[in-house]
C-alpha atoms as a PDB file:
ATOM      1  CA  MET A   1     -27.587  31.904   9.277  1.00  0.00           C
ATOM      2  CA  THR A   2     -26.055  35.106  10.398  1.00  0.00           C
ATOM      3  CA  VAL A   3     -22.650  35.478  13.313  1.00  0.00           C
ATOM      4  CA  ASP A   4     -23.715  37.428  16.378  1.00  0.00           C
ATOM      5  CA  GLY A   5     -26.790  38.545  14.537  1.00  0.00           C
ATOM      6  CA  SER A   6     -25.369  39.873  12.191  1.00  0.00           C
ATOM      7  CA  ARG A   7     -25.875  39.429   8.681  1.00  0.00           C
ATOM      8  CA  LEU A   8     -23.064  37.615   8.179  1.00  0.00           C
ATOM      9  CA  PRO A   9     -22.983  34.543   6.920  1.00  0.00           C
ATOM     10  CA  VAL A  10     -21.348  31.903   8.853  1.00  0.00           C
ATOM     11  CA  LEU A  11     -18.822  30.267   6.818  1.00  0.00           C
ATOM     12  CA  ARG A  12     -17.899  26.560   6.440  1.00  0.00           C
ATOM     13  CA  TRP A  13     -15.080  24.652   6.916  1.00  0.00           C
ATOM     14  CA  ASP A  14     -14.956  21.687   4.308  1.00  0.00           C
ATOM     15  CA  GLU A  15     -11.942  19.412   4.226  1.00  0.00           C
ATOM     16  CA  HIS A  16     -10.576  16.034   4.837  1.00  0.00           C
ATOM     17  CA  PHE A  17      -8.230  14.755   7.188  1.00  0.00           C
ATOM     18  CA  ALA A  18      -6.463  11.952   8.302  1.00  0.00           C
ATOM     19  CA  VAL A  19      -7.880   9.563  10.214  1.00  0.00           C
ATOM     20  CA  VAL A  20      -6.413   6.094  12.437  1.00  0.00           C
ATOM     21  CA  ARG A  21      -8.537   3.340  13.031  1.00  0.00           C
ATOM     22  CA  LEU A  22      -8.368   1.038  16.681  1.00  0.00           C
ATOM     23  CA  GLU A  23     -10.145  -1.721  16.784  1.00  0.00           C
ATOM     24  CA  GLY A  24     -11.414  -4.021  19.658  1.00  0.00           C
ATOM     25  CA  SER A  25     -12.822  -3.242  23.252  1.00  0.00           C
ATOM     26  CA  GLY A  26     -10.080  -1.754  25.012  1.00  0.00           C
ATOM     27  CA  CYS A  27     -10.170   2.055  22.564  1.00  0.00           C
ATOM     28  CA  ALA A  28     -11.948   3.728  25.737  1.00  0.00           C
ATOM     29  CA  GLY A  29      -9.586   2.998  28.193  1.00  0.00           C
ATOM     30  CA  PHE A  30      -6.735   2.801  26.135  1.00  0.00           C
ATOM     31  CA  LEU A  31      -6.902   6.233  24.208  1.00  0.00           C
ATOM     32  CA  ASN A  32      -7.672   7.610  28.088  1.00  0.00           C
ATOM     33  CA  GLY A  33      -4.137   6.827  29.138  1.00  0.00           C
ATOM     34  CA  GLN A  34      -2.461   7.633  25.704  1.00  0.00           C
ATOM     35  CA  THR A  35      -4.358  11.384  25.167  1.00  0.00           C
ATOM     36  CA  SER A  36      -4.766  14.468  27.323  1.00  0.00           C
ATOM     37  CA  ALA A  37      -9.430  13.922  27.153  1.00  0.00           C
ATOM     38  CA  ARG A  38     -11.404  12.076  29.022  1.00  0.00           C
ATOM     39  CA  VAL A  39     -13.208   8.995  27.383  1.00  0.00           C
ATOM     40  CA  GLU A  40     -13.513   6.253  29.058  1.00  0.00           C
ATOM     41  CA  GLY A  41     -17.710   7.350  29.932  1.00  0.00           C
ATOM     42  CA  ALA A  42     -17.988   9.330  27.048  1.00  0.00           C
ATOM     43  CA  PRO A  43     -21.321   7.608  24.478  1.00  0.00           C
ATOM     44  CA  SER A  44     -21.061   6.318  21.289  1.00  0.00           C
ATOM     45  CA  GLY A  45     -20.503   8.880  18.225  1.00  0.00           C
ATOM     46  CA  GLN A  46     -19.795  12.166  20.590  1.00  0.00           C
ATOM     47  CA  LEU A  47     -16.642  13.820  19.286  1.00  0.00           C
ATOM     48  CA  ILE A  48     -14.151  14.187  21.556  1.00  0.00           C
ATOM     49  CA  GLN A  49     -11.250  17.540  21.567  1.00  0.00           C
ATOM     50  CA  ALA A  50      -7.761  15.849  22.897  1.00  0.00           C
ATOM     51  CA  CYS A  51      -4.210  16.538  22.612  1.00  0.00           C
ATOM     52  CA  TRP A  52      -1.267  13.823  22.489  1.00  0.00           C
ATOM     53  CA  LEU A  53       1.574  14.923  24.019  1.00  0.00           C
ATOM     54  CA  ASN A  54       5.295  13.505  24.865  1.00  0.00           C
ATOM     55  CA  ALA A  55       6.584  12.409  28.066  1.00  0.00           C
ATOM     56  CA  THR A  56       7.145  15.933  29.000  1.00  0.00           C
ATOM     57  CA  GLY A  57       4.033  17.756  28.029  1.00  0.00           C
ATOM     58  CA  ARG A  58       4.702  18.237  24.620  1.00  0.00           C
ATOM     59  CA  LEU A  59       2.422  18.509  22.019  1.00  0.00           C
ATOM     60  CA  GLN A  60       2.965  16.406  19.116  1.00  0.00           C
ATOM     61  CA  ALA A  61      -0.988  16.239  17.735  1.00  0.00           C
ATOM     62  CA  LEU A  62      -4.171  18.125  17.601  1.00  0.00           C
ATOM     63  CA  LEU A  63      -6.772  14.930  17.862  1.00  0.00           C
ATOM     64  CA  GLU A  64     -10.810  14.452  17.638  1.00  0.00           C
ATOM     65  CA  LEU A  65     -11.655  11.210  18.553  1.00  0.00           C
ATOM     66  CA  ARG A  66     -14.717   9.334  18.575  1.00  0.00           C
ATOM     67  CA  LEU A  67     -15.813   5.956  19.721  1.00  0.00           C
ATOM     68  CA  ASP A  68     -18.466   3.173  18.081  1.00  0.00           C
ATOM     69  CA  ASP A  69     -19.504   0.095  19.079  1.00  0.00           C
ATOM     70  CA  HIS A  70     -16.741  -1.844  17.643  1.00  0.00           C
ATOM     71  CA  GLY A  71     -12.935   0.697  18.755  1.00  0.00           C
ATOM     72  CA  ALA A  72     -12.755   4.657  17.679  1.00  0.00           C
ATOM     73  CA  ASP A  73     -11.479   6.923  15.292  1.00  0.00           C
ATOM     74  CA  VAL A  74      -9.068   9.166  15.700  1.00  0.00           C
ATOM     75  CA  LEU A  75      -8.911  12.804  13.604  1.00  0.00           C
ATOM     76  CA  VAL A  76      -6.075  13.919  13.260  1.00  0.00           C
ATOM     77  CA  LEU A  77      -6.749  18.220  13.147  1.00  0.00           C
ATOM     78  CA  ASN A  78      -2.746  18.874  13.158  1.00  0.00           C
ATOM     79  CA  GLY A  79       0.863  16.758  13.148  1.00  0.00           C
ATOM     80  CA  ASN A  80       1.474  13.908  11.388  1.00  0.00           C
ATOM     81  CA  ALA A  81      -0.845  10.478  10.929  1.00  0.00           C
ATOM     82  CA  ASP A  82       1.992   7.644  10.643  1.00  0.00           C
ATOM     83  CA  GLN A  83       4.158   9.175  13.648  1.00  0.00           C
ATOM     84  CA  LEU A  84       0.725   8.629  15.950  1.00  0.00           C
ATOM     85  CA  ALA A  85      -0.414   5.141  14.484  1.00  0.00           C
ATOM     86  CA  GLN A  86       3.476   4.574  15.410  1.00  0.00           C
ATOM     87  CA  GLY A  87       3.465   5.717  18.197  1.00  0.00           C
ATOM     88  CA  LEU A  88       0.035   4.290  19.475  1.00  0.00           C
ATOM     89  CA  ASP A  89       1.808   0.760  18.346  1.00  0.00           C
ATOM     90  CA  ARG A  90       4.149   0.271  20.571  1.00  0.00           C
ATOM     91  CA  VAL A  91       2.226   1.477  23.638  1.00  0.00           C
ATOM     92  CA  ILE A  92      -0.095  -1.158  23.150  1.00  0.00           C
ATOM     93  CA  PHE A  93       0.293  -4.353  25.090  1.00  0.00           C
ATOM     94  CA  PRO A  94      -2.305  -7.747  24.761  1.00  0.00           C
ATOM     95  CA  ALA A  95      -4.072  -6.827  27.870  1.00  0.00           C
ATOM     96  CA  ASP A  96      -5.051  -3.327  26.240  1.00  0.00           C
ATOM     97  CA  ARG A  97      -7.937  -4.923  23.504  1.00  0.00           C
ATOM     98  CA  VAL A  98      -6.510  -2.514  20.885  1.00  0.00           C
ATOM     99  CA  LYS A  99      -4.895  -3.030  17.768  1.00  0.00           C
ATOM    100  CA  ILE A 100      -4.080  -0.423  14.741  1.00  0.00           C
ATOM    101  CA  GLY A 101      -6.454  -0.608  11.993  1.00  0.00           C
ATOM    102  CA  HIS A 102      -5.743   1.387   8.842  1.00  0.00           C
ATOM    103  CA  GLN A 103      -6.059   5.181   7.889  1.00  0.00           C
ATOM    104  CA  ARG A 104      -8.377   7.265   5.518  1.00  0.00           C
ATOM    105  CA  GLN A 105      -9.763  10.262   4.820  1.00  0.00           C
ATOM    106  CA  GLN A 106     -12.878  11.427   6.887  1.00  0.00           C
ATOM    107  CA  ARG A 107     -15.120  14.538   5.331  1.00  0.00           C
ATOM    108  CA  ARG A 108     -15.192  17.383   8.024  1.00  0.00           C
ATOM    109  CA  LEU A 109     -17.221  19.819   8.318  1.00  0.00           C
ATOM    110  CA  GLN A 110     -17.025  23.150  10.715  1.00  0.00           C
ATOM    111  CA  HIS A 111     -18.438  26.653  11.183  1.00  0.00           C
ATOM    112  CA  LEU A 112     -16.537  29.995  11.482  1.00  0.00           C
ATOM    113  CA  SER A 113     -18.263  31.416  13.954  1.00  0.00           C
ATOM    114  CA  SER A 114     -16.624  34.164  15.496  1.00  0.00           C
ATOM    115  CA  GLY A 115     -16.859  35.602  18.854  1.00  0.00           C
ATOM    116  CA  GLN A 116     -16.774  31.472  19.606  1.00  0.00           C
ATOM    117  CA  THR A 117     -14.616  28.639  21.288  1.00  0.00           C
ATOM    118  CA  PRO A 118     -14.632  26.904  18.402  1.00  0.00           C
ATOM    119  CA  GLY A 119     -15.371  23.487  19.917  1.00  0.00           C
ATOM    120  CA  VAL A 120     -17.298  19.784  18.569  1.00  0.00           C
ATOM    121  CA  GLU A 121     -20.673  21.643  18.716  1.00  0.00           C
ATOM    122  CA  THR A 122     -20.038  23.359  15.430  1.00  0.00           C
ATOM    123  CA  VAL A 123     -17.706  20.730  14.052  1.00  0.00           C
ATOM    124  CA  LEU A 124     -19.691  17.233  11.447  1.00  0.00           C
ATOM    125  CA  TRP A 125     -18.571  14.297  10.241  1.00  0.00           C
ATOM    126  CA  LEU A 126     -20.563  13.308   7.096  1.00  0.00           C
ATOM    127  CA  ASP A 127     -19.729  10.714   4.350  1.00  0.00           C
ATOM    128  CA  ASP A 128     -18.593  11.580   1.166  1.00  0.00           C
ATOM    129  CA  ASP A 129     -21.005  11.780  -1.104  1.00  0.00           C
ATOM    130  CA  ALA A 130     -23.603  12.983   1.709  1.00  0.00           C
ATOM    131  CA  THR A 131     -25.338  16.379   1.147  1.00  0.00           C
ATOM    132  CA  PRO A 132     -25.239  18.578   4.144  1.00  0.00           C
ATOM    133  CA  PRO A 133     -27.841  18.567   6.180  1.00  0.00           C
ATOM    134  CA  PRO A 134     -29.704  21.767   7.667  1.00  0.00           C
ATOM    135  CA  PRO A 135     -27.927  24.354   8.838  1.00  0.00           C
ATOM    136  CA  TRP A 136     -25.143  23.699   7.160  1.00  0.00           C
ATOM    137  CA  ASP A 137     -26.795  23.047   3.321  1.00  0.00           C
ATOM    138  CA  GLN A 138     -27.412  27.134   4.473  1.00  0.00           C
ATOM    139  CA  SER A 139     -23.980  28.324   4.673  1.00  0.00           C
ATOM    140  CA  PRO A 140     -21.675  29.616   2.159  1.00  0.00           C
ATOM    141  CA  ALA A 141     -18.037  27.432   1.637  1.00  0.00           C
ATOM    142  CA  CYS A 142     -14.899  29.194   3.403  1.00  0.00           C
ATOM    143  CA  THR A 143     -11.305  29.776   0.312  1.00  0.00           C
ATOM    144  CA  ALA A 144      -8.289  28.707   1.983  1.00  0.00           C
ATOM    145  CA  ALA A 145      -7.727  33.023   2.651  1.00  0.00           C
ATOM    146  CA  ASP A 146     -11.117  33.280   4.598  1.00  0.00           C
ATOM    147  CA  LEU A 147      -9.957  30.012   6.941  1.00  0.00           C
ATOM    148  CA  GLU A 148      -6.297  31.074   7.407  1.00  0.00           C
ATOM    149  CA  CYS A 149      -7.639  34.612   8.568  1.00  0.00           C
ATOM    150  CA  TRP A 150     -10.242  33.018  10.610  1.00  0.00           C
ATOM    151  CA  ARG A 151      -7.810  31.144  12.253  1.00  0.00           C
ATOM    152  CA  LEU A 152      -5.444  33.579  13.181  1.00  0.00           C
ATOM    153  CA  ARG A 153      -8.115  35.969  14.799  1.00  0.00           C
ATOM    154  CA  GLN A 154      -9.313  32.674  16.923  1.00  0.00           C
ATOM    155  CA  GLY A 155      -6.069  31.679  17.805  1.00  0.00           C
ATOM    156  CA  TRP A 156      -6.229  27.867  16.805  1.00  0.00           C
ATOM    157  CA  PRO A 157      -2.496  26.437  16.550  1.00  0.00           C
ATOM    158  CA  LEU A 158      -2.549  24.626  13.022  1.00  0.00           C
ATOM    159  CA  SER A 159       0.337  25.822  12.089  1.00  0.00           C
ATOM    160  CA  ALA A 160       3.657  23.863  12.476  1.00  0.00           C
ATOM    161  CA  GLY A 161       4.646  27.163  13.730  1.00  0.00           C
ATOM    162  CA  GLU A 162       2.291  26.831  16.784  1.00  0.00           C
ATOM    163  CA  ILE A 163       2.723  23.029  16.923  1.00  0.00           C
ATOM    164  CA  ASP A 164       6.653  22.646  16.698  1.00  0.00           C
ATOM    165  CA  GLY A 165       7.352  19.840  19.051  1.00  0.00           C
ATOM    166  CA  GLU A 166       8.159  22.202  22.204  1.00  0.00           C
ATOM    167  CA  THR A 167       5.179  23.864  22.646  1.00  0.00           C
ATOM    168  CA  ASN A 168       2.808  22.345  25.424  1.00  0.00           C
ATOM    169  CA  PRO A 169      -1.654  22.869  25.399  1.00  0.00           C
ATOM    170  CA  PHE A 170      -1.450  25.864  27.842  1.00  0.00           C
ATOM    171  CA  GLU A 171       0.749  28.016  25.803  1.00  0.00           C
ATOM    172  CA  LEU A 172      -1.218  27.388  22.870  1.00  0.00           C
ATOM    173  CA  GLY A 173      -4.866  27.976  24.683  1.00  0.00           C
ATOM    174  CA  LEU A 174      -5.924  24.468  24.695  1.00  0.00           C
ATOM    175  CA  ALA A 175      -6.614  24.488  28.273  1.00  0.00           C
ATOM    176  CA  HIS A 176     -10.474  22.754  27.378  1.00  0.00           C
ATOM    177  CA  TRP A 177      -8.573  19.938  25.955  1.00  0.00           C
ATOM    178  CA  VAL A 178      -6.480  19.113  28.603  1.00  0.00           C
ATOM    179  CA  ASN A 179      -8.280  17.471  32.071  1.00  0.00           C
ATOM    180  CA  LEU A 180      -6.153  17.317  35.474  1.00  0.00           C
ATOM    181  CA  GLU A 181      -8.913  15.632  37.283  1.00  0.00           C
ATOM    182  CA  LYS A 182      -8.862  12.225  35.503  1.00  0.00           C
ATOM    183  CA  GLY A 183      -5.503   9.686  36.239  1.00  0.00           C
ATOM    184  CA  CYS A 184      -2.496   9.385  34.701  1.00  0.00           C
ATOM    185  CA  TYR A 185      -1.454   9.828  31.379  1.00  0.00           C
ATOM    186  CA  LEU A 186       1.552  10.415  28.679  1.00  0.00           C
ATOM    187  CA  GLY A 187       2.977  14.016  29.551  1.00  0.00           C
ATOM    188  CA  GLN A 188       0.335  14.190  32.231  1.00  0.00           C
ATOM    189  CA  GLU A 189       2.591  14.653  34.971  1.00  0.00           C
ATOM    190  CA  THR A 190       4.251  17.673  34.056  1.00  0.00           C
ATOM    191  CA  LEU A 191       0.924  19.714  33.314  1.00  0.00           C
ATOM    192  CA  ALA A 192      -0.609  18.759  36.282  1.00  0.00           C
ATOM    193  CA  LYS A 193       3.051  20.879  37.754  1.00  0.00           C
ATOM    194  CA  LEU A 194       2.039  23.989  35.338  1.00  0.00           C
ATOM    195  CA  GLY A 195      -1.165  23.228  36.466  1.00  0.00           C
ATOM    196  CA  SER A 196      -0.489  23.656  40.250  1.00  0.00           C
ATOM    197  CA  ARG A 197       2.117  26.719  39.663  1.00  0.00           C
ATOM    198  CA  GLY A 198      -0.394  28.620  37.239  1.00  0.00           C
ATOM    199  CA  ALA A 199       2.051  30.506  35.021  1.00  0.00           C
ATOM    200  CA  VAL A 200       3.498  29.339  31.524  1.00  0.00           C
ATOM    201  CA  LYS A 201       6.947  30.751  29.998  1.00  0.00           C
ATOM    202  CA  GLN A 202       4.734  31.926  27.227  1.00  0.00           C
ATOM    203  CA  GLN A 203       1.594  32.117  25.434  1.00  0.00           C
ATOM    204  CA  LEU A 204       0.133  32.471  21.816  1.00  0.00           C
ATOM    205  CA  ARG A 205      -0.844  36.293  20.800  1.00  0.00           C
ATOM    206  CA  CYS A 206      -2.483  37.623  17.727  1.00  0.00           C
ATOM    207  CA  TRP A 207      -1.057  40.475  15.760  1.00  0.00           C
ATOM    208  CA  GLN A 208      -1.413  42.845  13.670  1.00  0.00           C
ATOM    209  CA  CYS A 209       0.884  45.007  11.510  1.00  0.00           C
ATOM    210  CA  THR A 210      -0.424  48.625   9.312  1.00  0.00           C
ATOM    211  CA  ASP A 211       2.858  49.467   8.098  1.00  0.00           C
ATOM    212  CA  PRO A 212       2.639  49.129   4.578  1.00  0.00           C
ATOM    213  CA  GLU A 213       6.946  46.945   4.428  1.00  0.00           C
ATOM    214  CA  ALA A 214       4.998  44.157   6.456  1.00  0.00           C
ATOM    215  CA  ALA A 215       5.245  41.474   3.170  1.00  0.00           C
ATOM    216  CA  ASP A 216       8.527  41.107   4.323  1.00  0.00           C
ATOM    217  CA  LEU A 217       7.327  39.720   8.527  1.00  0.00           C
ATOM    218  CA  LYS A 218       7.899  36.273   7.810  1.00  0.00           C
ATOM    219  CA  PRO A 219       7.367  32.901  10.748  1.00  0.00           C
ATOM    220  CA  GLY A 220      10.456  32.699  13.277  1.00  0.00           C
ATOM    221  CA  ASP A 221      10.770  36.818  12.996  1.00  0.00           C
ATOM    222  CA  THR A 222      12.446  37.274  16.654  1.00  0.00           C
ATOM    223  CA  LEU A 223       9.946  40.537  18.477  1.00  0.00           C
ATOM    224  CA  THR A 224      11.377  42.889  20.894  1.00  0.00           C
ATOM    225  CA  LEU A 225      10.185  44.939  23.949  1.00  0.00           C
ATOM    226  CA  ASN A 226      12.449  47.322  25.166  1.00  0.00           C
ATOM    227  CA  GLY A 227      15.307  46.132  23.294  1.00  0.00           C
ATOM    228  CA  GLU A 228      14.656  42.777  24.965  1.00  0.00           C
ATOM    229  CA  ARG A 229      14.000  39.823  23.300  1.00  0.00           C
ATOM    230  CA  ALA A 230       9.724  39.433  23.737  1.00  0.00           C
ATOM    231  CA  GLY A 231       8.925  36.444  21.992  1.00  0.00           C
ATOM    232  CA  HIS A 232       8.790  35.031  17.792  1.00  0.00           C
ATOM    233  CA  ILE A 233       6.522  34.957  14.988  1.00  0.00           C
ATOM    234  CA  THR A 234       4.722  31.870  14.129  1.00  0.00           C
ATOM    235  CA  SER A 235       2.284  32.183  11.264  1.00  0.00           C
ATOM    236  CA  VAL A 236       1.589  35.247   9.099  1.00  0.00           C
ATOM    237  CA  VAL A 237      -0.262  35.790   6.211  1.00  0.00           C
ATOM    238  CA  HIS A 238      -0.987  39.088   4.112  1.00  0.00           C
ATOM    239  CA  PRO A 239      -4.480  39.996   2.864  1.00  0.00           C
ATOM    240  CA  ASN A 240      -5.501  41.377  -0.277  1.00  0.00           C
ATOM    241  CA  GLY A 241      -6.331  44.905  -0.213  1.00  0.00           C
ATOM    242  CA  ARG A 242      -5.958  47.546   2.385  1.00  0.00           C
ATOM    243  CA  GLU A 243      -6.226  45.213   5.440  1.00  0.00           C
ATOM    244  CA  PRO A 244      -3.230  44.647   7.480  1.00  0.00           C
ATOM    245  CA  ALA A 245      -0.904  42.357   7.744  1.00  0.00           C
ATOM    246  CA  LEU A 246      -1.975  39.350  10.726  1.00  0.00           C
ATOM    247  CA  GLY A 247      -0.997  36.802  12.118  1.00  0.00           C
ATOM    248  CA  LEU A 248       0.005  34.493  15.703  1.00  0.00           C
ATOM    249  CA  ALA A 249       3.845  34.670  17.420  1.00  0.00           C
ATOM    250  CA  LEU A 250       4.024  33.128  20.675  1.00  0.00           C
ATOM    251  CA  ILE A 251       4.807  35.723  23.730  1.00  0.00           C
ATOM    252  CA  ARG A 252       6.743  35.766  26.733  1.00  0.00           C
ATOM    253  CA  ARG A 253       5.041  36.036  30.070  1.00  0.00           C
ATOM    254  CA  GLN A 254       6.875  39.798  30.938  1.00  0.00           C
ATOM    255  CA  ALA A 255       6.192  40.965  28.056  1.00  0.00           C
ATOM    256  CA  LEU A 256       2.035  39.311  27.731  1.00  0.00           C
ATOM    257  CA  GLU A 257       0.733  42.615  29.028  1.00  0.00           C
ATOM    258  CA  ALA A 258       2.421  44.656  26.465  1.00  0.00           C
ATOM    259  CA  ASN A 259      -0.071  46.678  23.478  1.00  0.00           C
ATOM    260  CA  GLU A 260       2.726  46.825  20.954  1.00  0.00           C
ATOM    261  CA  LEU A 261       5.907  44.480  20.313  1.00  0.00           C
ATOM    262  CA  GLN A 262       9.013  45.395  17.800  1.00  0.00           C
ATOM    263  CA  THR A 263      10.700  43.110  15.112  1.00  0.00           C
ATOM    264  CA  GLY A 264      14.120  42.493  15.187  1.00  0.00           C
ATOM    265  CA  LEU A 265      15.791  44.837  12.851  1.00  0.00           C
ATOM    266  CA  LYS A 266      17.202  43.361   9.569  1.00  0.00           C
ATOM    267  CA  GLU A 267      19.818  44.336   7.254  1.00  0.00           C
ATOM    268  CA  GLY A 268      19.070  46.777   5.022  1.00  0.00           C
ATOM    269  CA  GLN A 269      15.774  47.854   6.680  1.00  0.00           C
ATOM    270  CA  PRO A 270      16.014  51.125   7.891  1.00  0.00           C
ATOM    271  CA  GLN A 271      13.420  50.199  11.174  1.00  0.00           C
ATOM    272  CA  ALA A 272      11.430  48.329  13.034  1.00  0.00           C
ATOM    273  CA  ARG A 273       7.549  47.305  12.159  1.00  0.00           C
ATOM    274  CA  ILE A 274       5.329  48.219  15.160  1.00  0.00           C
ATOM    275  CA  LEU A 275       2.572  44.910  15.521  1.00  0.00           C
ATOM    276  CA  THR A 276      -0.651  45.698  17.976  1.00  0.00           C
ATOM    277  CA  ILE A 277      -0.621  43.005  20.211  1.00  0.00           C
ATOM    278  CA  GLN A 278      -4.434  40.997  21.647  1.00  0.00           C
ATOM    279  CA  ARG A 279      -5.107  38.098  23.302  1.00  0.00           C
ATOM    280  CA  PRO A 280      -6.912  35.480  20.548  1.00  0.00           C
ATOM    281  CA  GLY A 281     -11.068  35.153  20.354  1.00  0.00           C
ATOM    282  CA  ALA A 282     -10.403  30.950  21.027  1.00  0.00           C
ATOM    283  CA  PHE A 283      -7.242  31.200  23.699  1.00  0.00           C
ATOM    284  CA  GLN A 284      -8.832  29.525  26.875  1.00  0.00           C
ATOM    285  CA  GLU A 285      -6.279  31.044  29.458  1.00  0.00           C
ATOM    286  CA  PRO A 286      -4.530  27.617  31.762  1.00  0.00           C
ATOM    287  CA  PRO A 287      -5.153  26.579  35.090  1.00  0.00           C
ATOM    288  CA  THR A 288      -4.801  29.577  37.933  1.00  0.00           C
ATOM    289  CA  GLY A 289      -3.333  26.797  40.397  1.00  0.00           C
ATOM    290  CA  ARG A 290      -4.443  24.101  41.766  1.00  0.00           C
END
């Protein structure tokens, strides 16, 4: 297996994630009202990408959902599984026909394909003792460094710097994880307003820095454009060798067309670092108005 016709193999991300178990015949309807995805009507066993939001549309957790004949599994890709379980439990009523079950760890495989929006078609849930089936068995496992570089270039918001309780899915490039056509759900009203206006205050962008002194860059560092605040770094990795530092940043709307941004000067630093900015490979644009 190769990437985009090249001889480079597709790497396999193989990791365990917390799963919150829901039991009961009403799980599909309940999750339809508590997450951003259309869950009602989904076939048993299908993986569904969803966001768990608060009442103001801020992203609390990234989820994968899987319905079955007895309930649903809710896998937490990013977020706190205990907080999710407690939050869902608080809004369950007897008429929902749902109860919170046990938590467990689920083995999850994903192909790190380049130039492709990460989706459930590249994902497999597998038992711990199972051997990956073809073509998964042909894919070499990725290292932690491989995974971090891939997710930064693709723009997967999997760190606390991106999902900090203050950002919304449209800012993070997760528009396809949000359904604005189904009925009401937690946070839907705010996202619908953002969709109708076709604008968000900031968006996630990928950056690189070839400055040999870029090792001092860290999450939270301010970025500027023409002396004005333009955003801040959310993730950073410093690859070994001659590879440039790279990461993710939340960039204000007025600076999104800039190709380069500067870091704010720090004490003892003679000059600002120059960062080149580009749209991440998997960024999904928010609606342009409805």
